[in-house]
Amino acid sequence: MLKPGNPMGKVMMATLIFEAITIGLSVPVMIMVSDVPAGLASAAGAGAALLAMVAAGNMRKPRVGYPLGWLTQVAALALSFLTIGMLIMGVMFAMLWVVCFVLGKRLEAQRGMT
């Protein structure tokens, strides 16, 4: 997890918010394109989107927000079992999450925050 004053924490929070929106928009795709039953698509999409929003809301509490953020990345990738389009989106968001985390760690090392 990153230190509370790290500016990359805000970027990671924004990533989670956009990820929640993307996950929510994937529900109609799961239903109409991938023929996933509406109940399953809604439950999986709502659960993953809710997880992303809870993670984003807790990013100021590093012991809670960061593990939930990592779990959100796993959940987004798991949605690819329901629709292949989420594989592309899940990989993109996971890569963005990892890059922000690595850059945040580099900022901490550069500023002597460790």
PDB file of N, CA and C in Angstrom:
ATOM      1  N   MET A   1       0.826  -1.177   0.000  1.00  0.00           N
ATOM      2  CA  MET A   1       0.000   0.000   0.000  1.00  0.00           C
ATOM      3  C   MET A   1       0.874   1.245   0.000  1.00  0.00           C
ATOM      4  N   LEU A   2       0.312   2.322  -0.492  1.00  0.00           N
ATOM      5  CA  LEU A   2       1.037   3.581  -0.572  1.00  0.00           C
ATOM      6  C   LEU A   2       0.785   4.409   0.687  1.00  0.00           C
ATOM      7  N   LYS A   3       1.696   5.317   0.953  1.00  0.00           N
ATOM      8  CA  LYS A   3       1.551   6.218   2.098  1.00  0.00           C
ATOM      9  C   LYS A   3       0.384   7.176   1.844  1.00  0.00           C
ATOM     10  N   PRO A   4      -0.270   7.674   2.899  1.00  0.00           N
ATOM     11  CA  PRO A   4      -1.445   8.552   2.718  1.00  0.00           C
ATOM     12  C   PRO A   4      -1.197   9.815   1.898  1.00  0.00           C
ATOM     13  N   GLY A   5      -0.013  10.404   1.922  1.00  0.00           N
ATOM     14  CA  GLY A   5       0.235  11.636   1.184  1.00  0.00           C
ATOM     15  C   GLY A   5       0.626  11.436  -0.270  1.00  0.00           C
ATOM     16  N   ASN A   6       0.662  10.209  -0.735  1.00  0.00           N
ATOM     17  CA  ASN A   6       1.109   9.909  -2.091  1.00  0.00           C
ATOM     18  C   ASN A   6       0.036  10.334  -3.104  1.00  0.00           C
ATOM     19  N   PRO A   7       0.398  11.151  -4.094  1.00  0.00           N
ATOM     20  CA  PRO A   7      -0.603  11.608  -5.070  1.00  0.00           C
ATOM     21  C   PRO A   7      -1.147  10.490  -5.958  1.00  0.00           C
ATOM     22  N   MET A   8      -0.438   9.391  -6.080  1.00  0.00           N
ATOM     23  CA  MET A   8      -0.927   8.290  -6.916  1.00  0.00           C
ATOM     24  C   MET A   8      -2.141   7.608  -6.284  1.00  0.00           C
ATOM     25  N   GLY A   9      -2.340   7.793  -4.990  1.00  0.00           N
ATOM     26  CA  GLY A   9      -3.524   7.236  -4.337  1.00  0.00           C
ATOM     27  C   GLY A   9      -4.803   7.799  -4.931  1.00  0.00           C
ATOM     28  N   LYS A  10      -4.792   9.084  -5.272  1.00  0.00           N
ATOM     29  CA  LYS A  10      -5.965   9.706  -5.887  1.00  0.00           C
ATOM     30  C   LYS A  10      -6.194   9.176  -7.304  1.00  0.00           C
ATOM     31  N   VAL A  11      -5.114   8.921  -8.003  1.00  0.00           N
ATOM     32  CA  VAL A  11      -5.236   8.353  -9.345  1.00  0.00           C
ATOM     33  C   VAL A  11      -5.810   6.944  -9.261  1.00  0.00           C
ATOM     34  N   MET A  12      -5.357   6.187  -8.276  1.00  0.00           N
ATOM     35  CA  MET A  12      -5.867   4.826  -8.101  1.00  0.00           C
ATOM     36  C   MET A  12      -7.343   4.854  -7.701  1.00  0.00           C
ATOM     37  N   MET A  13      -7.740   5.850  -6.909  1.00  0.00           N
ATOM     38  CA  MET A  13      -9.141   5.998  -6.544  1.00  0.00           C
ATOM     39  C   MET A  13      -9.983   6.302  -7.780  1.00  0.00           C
ATOM     40  N   ALA A  14      -9.501   7.189  -8.631  1.00  0.00           N
ATOM     41  CA  ALA A  14     -10.214   7.513  -9.867  1.00  0.00           C
ATOM     42  C   ALA A  14     -10.297   6.293 -10.778  1.00  0.00           C
ATOM     43  N   THR A  15      -9.234   5.495 -10.800  1.00  0.00           N
ATOM     44  CA  THR A  15      -9.240   4.263 -11.593  1.00  0.00           C
ATOM     45  C   THR A  15     -10.358   3.338 -11.132  1.00  0.00           C
ATOM     46  N   LEU A  16     -10.519   3.198  -9.825  1.00  0.00           N
ATOM     47  CA  LEU A  16     -11.578   2.335  -9.290  1.00  0.00           C
ATOM     48  C   LEU A  16     -12.967   2.859  -9.637  1.00  0.00           C
ATOM     49  N   ILE A  17     -13.133   4.176  -9.614  1.00  0.00           N
ATOM     50  CA  ILE A  17     -14.439   4.750  -9.955  1.00  0.00           C
ATOM     51  C   ILE A  17     -14.772   4.494 -11.417  1.00  0.00           C
ATOM     52  N   PHE A  18     -13.801   4.720 -12.305  1.00  0.00           N
ATOM     53  CA  PHE A  18     -14.038   4.446 -13.728  1.00  0.00           C
ATOM     54  C   PHE A  18     -14.225   2.956 -13.986  1.00  0.00           C
ATOM     55  N   GLU A  19     -13.548   2.146 -13.199  1.00  0.00           N
ATOM     56  CA  GLU A  19     -13.715   0.696 -13.332  1.00  0.00           C
ATOM     57  C   GLU A  19     -15.125   0.283 -12.929  1.00  0.00           C
ATOM     58  N   ALA A  20     -15.662   0.897 -11.884  1.00  0.00           N
ATOM     59  CA  ALA A  20     -17.035   0.590 -11.468  1.00  0.00           C
ATOM     60  C   ALA A  20     -18.024   0.947 -12.571  1.00  0.00           C
ATOM     61  N   ILE A  21     -17.812   2.080 -13.222  1.00  0.00           N
ATOM     62  CA  ILE A  21     -18.689   2.490 -14.326  1.00  0.00           C
ATOM     63  C   ILE A  21     -18.591   1.481 -15.476  1.00  0.00           C
ATOM     64  N   THR A  22     -17.377   1.084 -15.804  1.00  0.00           N
ATOM     65  CA  THR A  22     -17.170   0.126 -16.896  1.00  0.00           C
ATOM     66  C   THR A  22     -17.816  -1.216 -16.574  1.00  0.00           C
ATOM     67  N   ILE A  23     -17.666  -1.659 -15.347  1.00  0.00           N
ATOM     68  CA  ILE A  23     -18.273  -2.928 -14.946  1.00  0.00           C
ATOM     69  C   ILE A  23     -19.791  -2.835 -15.041  1.00  0.00           C
ATOM     70  N   GLY A  24     -20.347  -1.714 -14.596  1.00  0.00           N
ATOM     71  CA  GLY A  24     -21.788  -1.532 -14.707  1.00  0.00           C
ATOM     72  C   GLY A  24     -22.267  -1.561 -16.148  1.00  0.00           C
ATOM     73  N   LEU A  25     -21.484  -0.969 -17.035  1.00  0.00           N
ATOM     74  CA  LEU A  25     -21.860  -0.974 -18.453  1.00  0.00           C
ATOM     75  C   LEU A  25     -21.663  -2.337 -19.113  1.00  0.00           C
ATOM     76  N   SER A  26     -20.929  -3.216 -18.451  1.00  0.00           N
ATOM     77  CA  SER A  26     -20.720  -4.549 -19.028  1.00  0.00           C
ATOM     78  C   SER A  26     -21.931  -5.460 -18.822  1.00  0.00           C
ATOM     79  N   VAL A  27     -22.816  -5.101 -17.903  1.00  0.00           N
ATOM     80  CA  VAL A  27     -23.982  -5.959 -17.631  1.00  0.00           C
ATOM     81  C   VAL A  27     -24.862  -6.121 -18.874  1.00  0.00           C
ATOM     82  N   PRO A  28     -25.250  -5.045 -19.576  1.00  0.00           N
ATOM     83  CA  PRO A  28     -26.048  -5.251 -20.795  1.00  0.00           C
ATOM     84  C   PRO A  28     -25.290  -6.047 -21.863  1.00  0.00           C
ATOM     85  N   VAL A  29     -23.980  -5.882 -21.913  1.00  0.00           N
ATOM     86  CA  VAL A  29     -23.186  -6.647 -22.873  1.00  0.00           C
ATOM     87  C   VAL A  29     -23.254  -8.132 -22.541  1.00  0.00           C
ATOM     88  N   MET A  30     -23.139  -8.444 -21.249  1.00  0.00           N
ATOM     89  CA  MET A  30     -23.231  -9.847 -20.839  1.00  0.00           C
ATOM     90  C   MET A  30     -24.579 -10.442 -21.224  1.00  0.00           C
ATOM     91  N   ILE A  31     -25.637  -9.662 -21.041  1.00  0.00           N
ATOM     92  CA  ILE A  31     -26.988 -10.161 -21.311  1.00  0.00           C
ATOM     93  C   ILE A  31     -27.261 -10.270 -22.806  1.00  0.00           C
ATOM     94  N   MET A  32     -26.974  -9.205 -23.552  1.00  0.00           N
ATOM     95  CA  MET A  32     -27.384  -9.153 -24.953  1.00  0.00           C
ATOM     96  C   MET A  32     -26.396  -9.816 -25.907  1.00  0.00           C
ATOM     97  N   VAL A  33     -25.119  -9.713 -25.634  1.00  0.00           N
ATOM     98  CA  VAL A  33     -24.125 -10.227 -26.567  1.00  0.00           C
ATOM     99  C   VAL A  33     -23.694 -11.643 -26.191  1.00  0.00           C
ATOM    100  N   SER A  34     -23.432 -11.859 -24.896  1.00  0.00           N
ATOM    101  CA  SER A  34     -22.895 -13.146 -24.462  1.00  0.00           C
ATOM    102  C   SER A  34     -23.963 -14.109 -23.970  1.00  0.00           C
ATOM    103  N   ASP A  35     -25.230 -13.709 -24.017  1.00  0.00           N
ATOM    104  CA  ASP A  35     -26.355 -14.559 -23.616  1.00  0.00           C
ATOM    105  C   ASP A  35     -26.229 -15.108 -22.197  1.00  0.00           C
ATOM    106  N   VAL A  36     -25.711 -14.285 -21.289  1.00  0.00           N
ATOM    107  CA  VAL A  36     -25.655 -14.650 -19.878  1.00  0.00           C
ATOM    108  C   VAL A  36     -27.032 -14.346 -19.294  1.00  0.00           C
ATOM    109  N   PRO A  37     -27.566 -15.227 -18.464  1.00  0.00           N
ATOM    110  CA  PRO A  37     -28.867 -14.935 -17.847  1.00  0.00           C
ATOM    111  C   PRO A  37     -28.838 -13.589 -17.106  1.00  0.00           C
ATOM    112  N   ALA A  38     -29.940 -12.868 -17.197  1.00  0.00           N
ATOM    113  CA  ALA A  38     -30.004 -11.512 -16.651  1.00  0.00           C
ATOM    114  C   ALA A  38     -29.697 -11.473 -15.154  1.00  0.00           C
ATOM    115  N   GLY A  39     -30.188 -12.435 -14.416  1.00  0.00           N
ATOM    116  CA  GLY A  39     -29.944 -12.460 -12.978  1.00  0.00           C
ATOM    117  C   GLY A  39     -28.477 -12.633 -12.644  1.00  0.00           C
ATOM    118  N   LEU A  40     -27.826 -13.558 -13.340  1.00  0.00           N
ATOM    119  CA  LEU A  40     -26.402 -13.807 -13.104  1.00  0.00           C
ATOM    120  C   LEU A  40     -25.562 -12.601 -13.506  1.00  0.00           C
ATOM    121  N   ALA A  41     -25.874 -12.031 -14.683  1.00  0.00           N
ATOM    122  CA  ALA A  41     -25.125 -10.861 -15.155  1.00  0.00           C
ATOM    123  C   ALA A  41     -25.304  -9.690 -14.203  1.00  0.00           C
ATOM    124  N   SER A  42     -26.534  -9.460 -13.749  1.00  0.00           N
ATOM    125  CA  SER A  42     -26.799  -8.351 -12.841  1.00  0.00           C
ATOM    126  C   SER A  42     -26.108  -8.549 -11.505  1.00  0.00           C
ATOM    127  N   ALA A  43     -26.172  -9.755 -10.969  1.00  0.00           N
ATOM    128  CA  ALA A  43     -25.549 -10.023  -9.674  1.00  0.00           C
ATOM    129  C   ALA A  43     -24.028  -9.897  -9.752  1.00  0.00           C
ATOM    130  N   ALA A  44     -23.436 -10.481 -10.776  1.00  0.00           N
ATOM    131  CA  ALA A  44     -21.979 -10.426 -10.920  1.00  0.00           C
ATOM    132  C   ALA A  44     -21.512  -8.995 -11.179  1.00  0.00           C
ATOM    133  N   GLY A  45     -22.200  -8.295 -12.072  1.00  0.00           N
ATOM    134  CA  GLY A  45     -21.823  -6.922 -12.389  1.00  0.00           C
ATOM    135  C   GLY A  45     -22.028  -5.977 -11.215  1.00  0.00           C
ATOM    136  N   ALA A  46     -23.170  -6.111 -10.547  1.00  0.00           N
ATOM    137  CA  ALA A  46     -23.442  -5.237  -9.402  1.00  0.00           C
ATOM    138  C   ALA A  46     -22.470  -5.525  -8.261  1.00  0.00           C
ATOM    139  N   GLY A  47     -22.158  -6.789  -8.042  1.00  0.00           N
ATOM    140  CA  GLY A  47     -21.212  -7.135  -6.981  1.00  0.00           C
ATOM    141  C   GLY A  47     -19.828  -6.576  -7.238  1.00  0.00           C
ATOM    142  N   ALA A  48     -19.352  -6.725  -8.452  1.00  0.00           N
ATOM    143  CA  ALA A  48     -18.015  -6.229  -8.794  1.00  0.00           C
ATOM    144  C   ALA A  48     -17.982  -4.703  -8.792  1.00  0.00           C
ATOM    145  N   ALA A  49     -19.032  -4.065  -9.296  1.00  0.00           N
ATOM    146  CA  ALA A  49     -19.082  -2.596  -9.306  1.00  0.00           C
ATOM    147  C   ALA A  49     -19.171  -2.053  -7.882  1.00  0.00           C
ATOM    148  N   LEU A  50     -19.951  -2.701  -7.041  1.00  0.00           N
ATOM    149  CA  LEU A  50     -20.053  -2.289  -5.640  1.00  0.00           C
ATOM    150  C   LEU A  50     -18.712  -2.447  -4.934  1.00  0.00           C
ATOM    151  N   LEU A  51     -18.023  -3.538  -5.210  1.00  0.00           N
ATOM    152  CA  LEU A  51     -16.696  -3.747  -4.629  1.00  0.00           C
ATOM    153  C   LEU A  51     -15.745  -2.620  -5.042  1.00  0.00           C
ATOM    154  N   ALA A  52     -15.795  -2.235  -6.304  1.00  0.00           N
ATOM    155  CA  ALA A  52     -14.937  -1.144  -6.787  1.00  0.00           C
ATOM    156  C   ALA A  52     -15.272   0.173  -6.092  1.00  0.00           C
ATOM    157  N   MET A  53     -16.549   0.448  -5.898  1.00  0.00           N
ATOM    158  CA  MET A  53     -16.932   1.696  -5.238  1.00  0.00           C
ATOM    159  C   MET A  53     -16.558   1.695  -3.758  1.00  0.00           C
ATOM    160  N   VAL A  54     -16.717   0.559  -3.091  1.00  0.00           N
ATOM    161  CA  VAL A  54     -16.317   0.469  -1.684  1.00  0.00           C
ATOM    162  C   VAL A  54     -14.807   0.628  -1.569  1.00  0.00           C
ATOM    163  N   ALA A  55     -14.071   0.018  -2.486  1.00  0.00           N
ATOM    164  CA  ALA A  55     -12.609   0.166  -2.482  1.00  0.00           C
ATOM    165  C   ALA A  55     -12.217   1.622  -2.706  1.00  0.00           C
ATOM    166  N   ALA A  56     -12.862   2.290  -3.657  1.00  0.00           N
ATOM    167  CA  ALA A  56     -12.557   3.692  -3.927  1.00  0.00           C
ATOM    168  C   ALA A  56     -12.876   4.563  -2.717  1.00  0.00           C
ATOM    169  N   GLY A  57     -13.976   4.270  -2.056  1.00  0.00           N
ATOM    170  CA  GLY A  57     -14.361   5.036  -0.884  1.00  0.00           C
ATOM    171  C   GLY A  57     -13.432   4.838   0.308  1.00  0.00           C
ATOM    172  N   ASN A  58     -12.719   3.728   0.320  1.00  0.00           N
ATOM    173  CA  ASN A  58     -11.821   3.426   1.440  1.00  0.00           C
ATOM    174  C   ASN A  58     -10.352   3.629   1.105  1.00  0.00           C
ATOM    175  N   MET A  59     -10.041   4.298   0.018  1.00  0.00           N
ATOM    176  CA  MET A  59      -8.638   4.477  -0.354  1.00  0.00           C
ATOM    177  C   MET A  59      -7.885   5.350   0.645  1.00  0.00           C
ATOM    178  N   ARG A  60      -8.575   6.133   1.433  1.00  0.00           N
ATOM    179  CA  ARG A  60      -7.894   6.940   2.453  1.00  0.00           C
ATOM    180  C   ARG A  60      -7.543   6.112   3.680  1.00  0.00           C
ATOM    181  N   LYS A  61      -8.110   4.923   3.767  1.00  0.00           N
ATOM    182  CA  LYS A  61      -7.759   3.968   4.827  1.00  0.00           C
ATOM    183  C   LYS A  61      -6.925   2.877   4.162  1.00  0.00           C
ATOM    184  N   PRO A  62      -5.612   3.030   4.122  1.00  0.00           N
ATOM    185  CA  PRO A  62      -4.774   2.124   3.326  1.00  0.00           C
ATOM    186  C   PRO A  62      -4.944   0.643   3.656  1.00  0.00           C
ATOM    187  N   ARG A  63      -5.174   0.302   4.899  1.00  0.00           N
ATOM    188  CA  ARG A  63      -5.292  -1.116   5.273  1.00  0.00           C
ATOM    189  C   ARG A  63      -6.575  -1.748   4.740  1.00  0.00           C
ATOM    190  N   VAL A  64      -7.539  -0.939   4.363  1.00  0.00           N
ATOM    191  CA  VAL A  64      -8.803  -1.453   3.825  1.00  0.00           C
ATOM    192  C   VAL A  64      -8.885  -1.239   2.314  1.00  0.00           C
ATOM    193  N   GLY A  65      -8.602  -0.017   1.863  1.00  0.00           N
ATOM    194  CA  GLY A  65      -8.800   0.360   0.467  1.00  0.00           C
ATOM    195  C   GLY A  65      -7.928  -0.390  -0.522  1.00  0.00           C
ATOM    196  N   TYR A  66      -6.642  -0.520  -0.213  1.00  0.00           N
ATOM    197  CA  TYR A  66      -5.736  -1.165  -1.168  1.00  0.00           C
ATOM    198  C   TYR A  66      -6.028  -2.650  -1.358  1.00  0.00           C
ATOM    199  N   PRO A  67      -6.235  -3.425  -0.284  1.00  0.00           N
ATOM    200  CA  PRO A  67      -6.607  -4.831  -0.517  1.00  0.00           C
ATOM    201  C   PRO A  67      -7.917  -4.970  -1.294  1.00  0.00           C
ATOM    202  N   LEU A  68      -8.893  -4.103  -1.000  1.00  0.00           N
ATOM    203  CA  LEU A  68     -10.141  -4.149  -1.763  1.00  0.00           C
ATOM    204  C   LEU A  68      -9.910  -3.757  -3.221  1.00  0.00           C
ATOM    205  N   GLY A  69      -8.985  -2.824  -3.459  1.00  0.00           N
ATOM    206  CA  GLY A  69      -8.646  -2.447  -4.833  1.00  0.00           C
ATOM    207  C   GLY A  69      -8.031  -3.598  -5.600  1.00  0.00           C
ATOM    208  N   TRP A  70      -7.128  -4.315  -4.946  1.00  0.00           N
ATOM    209  CA  TRP A  70      -6.537  -5.492  -5.598  1.00  0.00           C
ATOM    210  C   TRP A  70      -7.598  -6.554  -5.849  1.00  0.00           C
ATOM    211  N   LEU A  71      -8.510  -6.729  -4.891  1.00  0.00           N
ATOM    212  CA  LEU A  71      -9.592  -7.702  -5.062  1.00  0.00           C
ATOM    213  C   LEU A  71     -10.519  -7.287  -6.204  1.00  0.00           C
ATOM    214  N   THR A  72     -10.710  -5.986  -6.375  1.00  0.00           N
ATOM    215  CA  THR A  72     -11.521  -5.488  -7.490  1.00  0.00           C
ATOM    216  C   THR A  72     -10.903  -5.872  -8.823  1.00  0.00           C
ATOM    217  N   GLN A  73      -9.575  -5.823  -8.910  1.00  0.00           N
ATOM    218  CA  GLN A  73      -8.912  -6.198 -10.158  1.00  0.00           C
ATOM    219  C   GLN A  73      -9.162  -7.679 -10.466  1.00  0.00           C
ATOM    220  N   VAL A  74      -9.112  -8.503  -9.442  1.00  0.00           N
ATOM    221  CA  VAL A  74      -9.387  -9.937  -9.621  1.00  0.00           C
ATOM    222  C   VAL A  74     -10.839 -10.143 -10.045  1.00  0.00           C
ATOM    223  N   ALA A  75     -11.763  -9.417  -9.403  1.00  0.00           N
ATOM    224  CA  ALA A  75     -13.182  -9.548  -9.745  1.00  0.00           C
ATOM    225  C   ALA A  75     -13.454  -9.116 -11.180  1.00  0.00           C
ATOM    226  N   ALA A  76     -12.819  -8.030 -11.610  1.00  0.00           N
ATOM    227  CA  ALA A  76     -13.024  -7.562 -12.987  1.00  0.00           C
ATOM    228  C   ALA A  76     -12.496  -8.587 -13.986  1.00  0.00           C
ATOM    229  N   LEU A  77     -11.367  -9.192 -13.669  1.00  0.00           N
ATOM    230  CA  LEU A  77     -10.840 -10.232 -14.556  1.00  0.00           C
ATOM    231  C   LEU A  77     -11.723 -11.479 -14.524  1.00  0.00           C
ATOM    232  N   ALA A  78     -12.306 -11.773 -13.377  1.00  0.00           N
ATOM    233  CA  ALA A  78     -13.180 -12.945 -13.271  1.00  0.00           C
ATOM    234  C   ALA A  78     -14.442 -12.784 -14.121  1.00  0.00           C
ATOM    235  N   LEU A  79     -14.863 -11.548 -14.359  1.00  0.00           N
ATOM    236  CA  LEU A  79     -16.034 -11.318 -15.216  1.00  0.00           C
ATOM    237  C   LEU A  79     -15.788 -11.763 -16.649  1.00  0.00           C
ATOM    238  N   SER A  80     -14.523 -11.971 -17.001  1.00  0.00           N
ATOM    239  CA  SER A  80     -14.229 -12.429 -18.362  1.00  0.00           C
ATOM    240  C   SER A  80     -14.738 -13.847 -18.598  1.00  0.00           C
ATOM    241  N   PHE A  81     -15.059 -14.575 -17.526  1.00  0.00           N
ATOM    242  CA  PHE A  81     -15.665 -15.894 -17.700  1.00  0.00           C
ATOM    243  C   PHE A  81     -17.102 -15.772 -18.183  1.00  0.00           C
ATOM    244  N   LEU A  82     -17.708 -14.608 -17.991  1.00  0.00           N
ATOM    245  CA  LEU A  82     -19.078 -14.380 -18.443  1.00  0.00           C
ATOM    246  C   LEU A  82     -19.139 -13.701 -19.801  1.00  0.00           C
ATOM    247  N   THR A  83     -18.201 -12.802 -20.069  1.00  0.00           N
ATOM    248  CA  THR A  83     -18.136 -12.148 -21.370  1.00  0.00           C
ATOM    249  C   THR A  83     -16.686 -11.819 -21.691  1.00  0.00           C
ATOM    250  N   ILE A  84     -16.272 -12.134 -22.882  1.00  0.00           N
ATOM    251  CA  ILE A  84     -14.865 -11.977 -23.265  1.00  0.00           C
ATOM    252  C   ILE A  84     -14.445 -10.510 -23.291  1.00  0.00           C
ATOM    253  N   GLY A  85     -15.389  -9.609 -23.489  1.00  0.00           N
ATOM    254  CA  GLY A  85     -15.062  -8.188 -23.507  1.00  0.00           C
ATOM    255  C   GLY A  85     -14.477  -7.704 -22.191  1.00  0.00           C
ATOM    256  N   MET A  86     -14.871  -8.318 -21.106  1.00  0.00           N
ATOM    257  CA  MET A  86     -14.333  -7.915 -19.801  1.00  0.00           C
ATOM    258  C   MET A  86     -12.896  -8.386 -19.620  1.00  0.00           C
ATOM    259  N   LEU A  87     -12.440  -9.322 -20.412  1.00  0.00           N
ATOM    260  CA  LEU A  87     -11.033  -9.716 -20.348  1.00  0.00           C
ATOM    261  C   LEU A  87     -10.168  -8.535 -20.786  1.00  0.00           C
ATOM    262  N   ILE A  88     -10.542  -7.912 -21.875  1.00  0.00           N
ATOM    263  CA  ILE A  88      -9.789  -6.759 -22.376  1.00  0.00           C
ATOM    264  C   ILE A  88      -9.851  -5.609 -21.379  1.00  0.00           C
ATOM    265  N   MET A  89     -11.045  -5.305 -20.906  1.00  0.00           N
ATOM    266  CA  MET A  89     -11.196  -4.194 -19.959  1.00  0.00           C
ATOM    267  C   MET A  89     -10.532  -4.516 -18.624  1.00  0.00           C
ATOM    268  N   GLY A  90     -10.685  -5.737 -18.154  1.00  0.00           N
ATOM    269  CA  GLY A  90     -10.076  -6.131 -16.893  1.00  0.00           C
ATOM    270  C   GLY A  90      -8.564  -6.056 -16.932  1.00  0.00           C
ATOM    271  N   VAL A  91      -7.975  -6.490 -18.047  1.00  0.00           N
ATOM    272  CA  VAL A  91      -6.522  -6.419 -18.192  1.00  0.00           C
ATOM    273  C   VAL A  91      -6.072  -4.959 -18.251  1.00  0.00           C
ATOM    274  N   MET A  92      -6.814  -4.127 -18.964  1.00  0.00           N
ATOM    275  CA  MET A  92      -6.434  -2.717 -19.060  1.00  0.00           C
ATOM    276  C   MET A  92      -6.479  -2.039 -17.690  1.00  0.00           C
ATOM    277  N   PHE A  93      -7.553  -2.269 -16.936  1.00  0.00           N
ATOM    278  CA  PHE A  93      -7.654  -1.645 -15.620  1.00  0.00           C
ATOM    279  C   PHE A  93      -6.638  -2.225 -14.646  1.00  0.00           C
ATOM    280  N   ALA A  94      -6.387  -3.525 -14.723  1.00  0.00           N
ATOM    281  CA  ALA A  94      -5.385  -4.131 -13.842  1.00  0.00           C
ATOM    282  C   ALA A  94      -3.997  -3.572 -14.145  1.00  0.00           C
ATOM    283  N   MET A  95      -3.690  -3.406 -15.421  1.00  0.00           N
ATOM    284  CA  MET A  95      -2.392  -2.828 -15.781  1.00  0.00           C
ATOM    285  C   MET A  95      -2.284  -1.387 -15.291  1.00  0.00           C
ATOM    286  N   LEU A  96      -3.348  -0.612 -15.450  1.00  0.00           N
ATOM    287  CA  LEU A  96      -3.352   0.762 -14.970  1.00  0.00           C
ATOM    288  C   LEU A  96      -3.171   0.805 -13.453  1.00  0.00           C
ATOM    289  N   TRP A  97      -3.835  -0.093 -12.743  1.00  0.00           N
ATOM    290  CA  TRP A  97      -3.725  -0.174 -11.289  1.00  0.00           C
ATOM    291  C   TRP A  97      -2.284  -0.489 -10.879  1.00  0.00           C
ATOM    292  N   VAL A  98      -1.675  -1.472 -11.540  1.00  0.00           N
ATOM    293  CA  VAL A  98      -0.301  -1.866 -11.202  1.00  0.00           C
ATOM    294  C   VAL A  98       0.681  -0.745 -11.531  1.00  0.00           C
ATOM    295  N   VAL A  99       0.523  -0.112 -12.681  1.00  0.00           N
ATOM    296  CA  VAL A  99       1.420   0.986 -13.064  1.00  0.00           C
ATOM    297  C   VAL A  99       1.316   2.134 -12.059  1.00  0.00           C
ATOM    298  N   CYS A 100       0.105   2.489 -11.660  1.00  0.00           N
ATOM    299  CA  CYS A 100      -0.065   3.558 -10.666  1.00  0.00           C
ATOM    300  C   CYS A 100       0.581   3.172  -9.343  1.00  0.00           C
ATOM    301  N   PHE A 101       0.440   1.924  -8.952  1.00  0.00           N
ATOM    302  CA  PHE A 101       1.034   1.469  -7.700  1.00  0.00           C
ATOM    303  C   PHE A 101       2.556   1.536  -7.761  1.00  0.00           C
ATOM    304  N   VAL A 102       3.127   1.053  -8.857  1.00  0.00           N
ATOM    305  CA  VAL A 102       4.590   1.067  -9.013  1.00  0.00           C
ATOM    306  C   VAL A 102       5.108   2.506  -9.049  1.00  0.00           C
ATOM    307  N   LEU A 103       4.430   3.365  -9.796  1.00  0.00           N
ATOM    308  CA  LEU A 103       4.852   4.768  -9.845  1.00  0.00           C
ATOM    309  C   LEU A 103       4.724   5.439  -8.472  1.00  0.00           C
ATOM    310  N   GLY A 104       3.702   5.074  -7.730  1.00  0.00           N
ATOM    311  CA  GLY A 104       3.545   5.605  -6.384  1.00  0.00           C
ATOM    312  C   GLY A 104       4.676   5.176  -5.471  1.00  0.00           C
ATOM    313  N   LYS A 105       5.091   3.927  -5.594  1.00  0.00           N
ATOM    314  CA  LYS A 105       6.224   3.443  -4.799  1.00  0.00           C
ATOM    315  C   LYS A 105       7.509   4.167  -5.192  1.00  0.00           C
ATOM    316  N   ARG A 106       7.676   4.432  -6.467  1.00  0.00           N
ATOM    317  CA  ARG A 106       8.863   5.170  -6.919  1.00  0.00           C
ATOM    318  C   ARG A 106       8.849   6.604  -6.388  1.00  0.00           C
ATOM    319  N   LEU A 107       7.676   7.226  -6.379  1.00  0.00           N
ATOM    320  CA  LEU A 107       7.568   8.576  -5.818  1.00  0.00           C
ATOM    321  C   LEU A 107       7.940   8.576  -4.335  1.00  0.00           C
ATOM    322  N   GLU A 108       7.467   7.573  -3.622  1.00  0.00           N
ATOM    323  CA  GLU A 108       7.804   7.484  -2.201  1.00  0.00           C
ATOM    324  C   GLU A 108       9.308   7.321  -1.997  1.00  0.00           C
ATOM    325  N   ALA A 109       9.926   6.493  -2.805  1.00  0.00           N
ATOM    326  CA  ALA A 109      11.365   6.284  -2.682  1.00  0.00           C
ATOM    327  C   ALA A 109      12.135   7.554  -3.025  1.00  0.00           C
ATOM    328  N   GLN A 110      11.671   8.262  -4.063  1.00  0.00           N
ATOM    329  CA  GLN A 110      12.335   9.492  -4.487  1.00  0.00           C
ATOM    330  C   GLN A 110      12.215  10.588  -3.436  1.00  0.00           C
ATOM    331  N   ARG A 111      11.064  10.677  -2.814  1.00  0.00           N
ATOM    332  CA  ARG A 111      10.821  11.723  -1.820  1.00  0.00           C
ATOM    333  C   ARG A 111      11.273  11.318  -0.422  1.00  0.00           C
ATOM    334  N   GLY A 112      11.717  10.085  -0.271  1.00  0.00           N
ATOM    335  CA  GLY A 112      12.139   9.614   1.038  1.00  0.00           C
ATOM    336  C   GLY A 112      10.984   9.393   1.997  1.00  0.00           C
ATOM    337  N   MET A 113       9.838   8.982   1.462  1.00  0.00           N
ATOM    338  CA  MET A 113       8.657   8.768   2.284  1.00  0.00           C
ATOM    339  C   MET A 113       8.643   7.402   2.961  1.00  0.00           C
ATOM    340  N   THR A 114       9.586   6.528   2.599  1.00  0.00           N
ATOM    341  CA  THR A 114       9.556   5.174   3.147  1.00  0.00           C
ATOM    342  C   THR A 114      10.060   5.090   4.542  1.00  0.00           C
TER     343      THR A 114
END
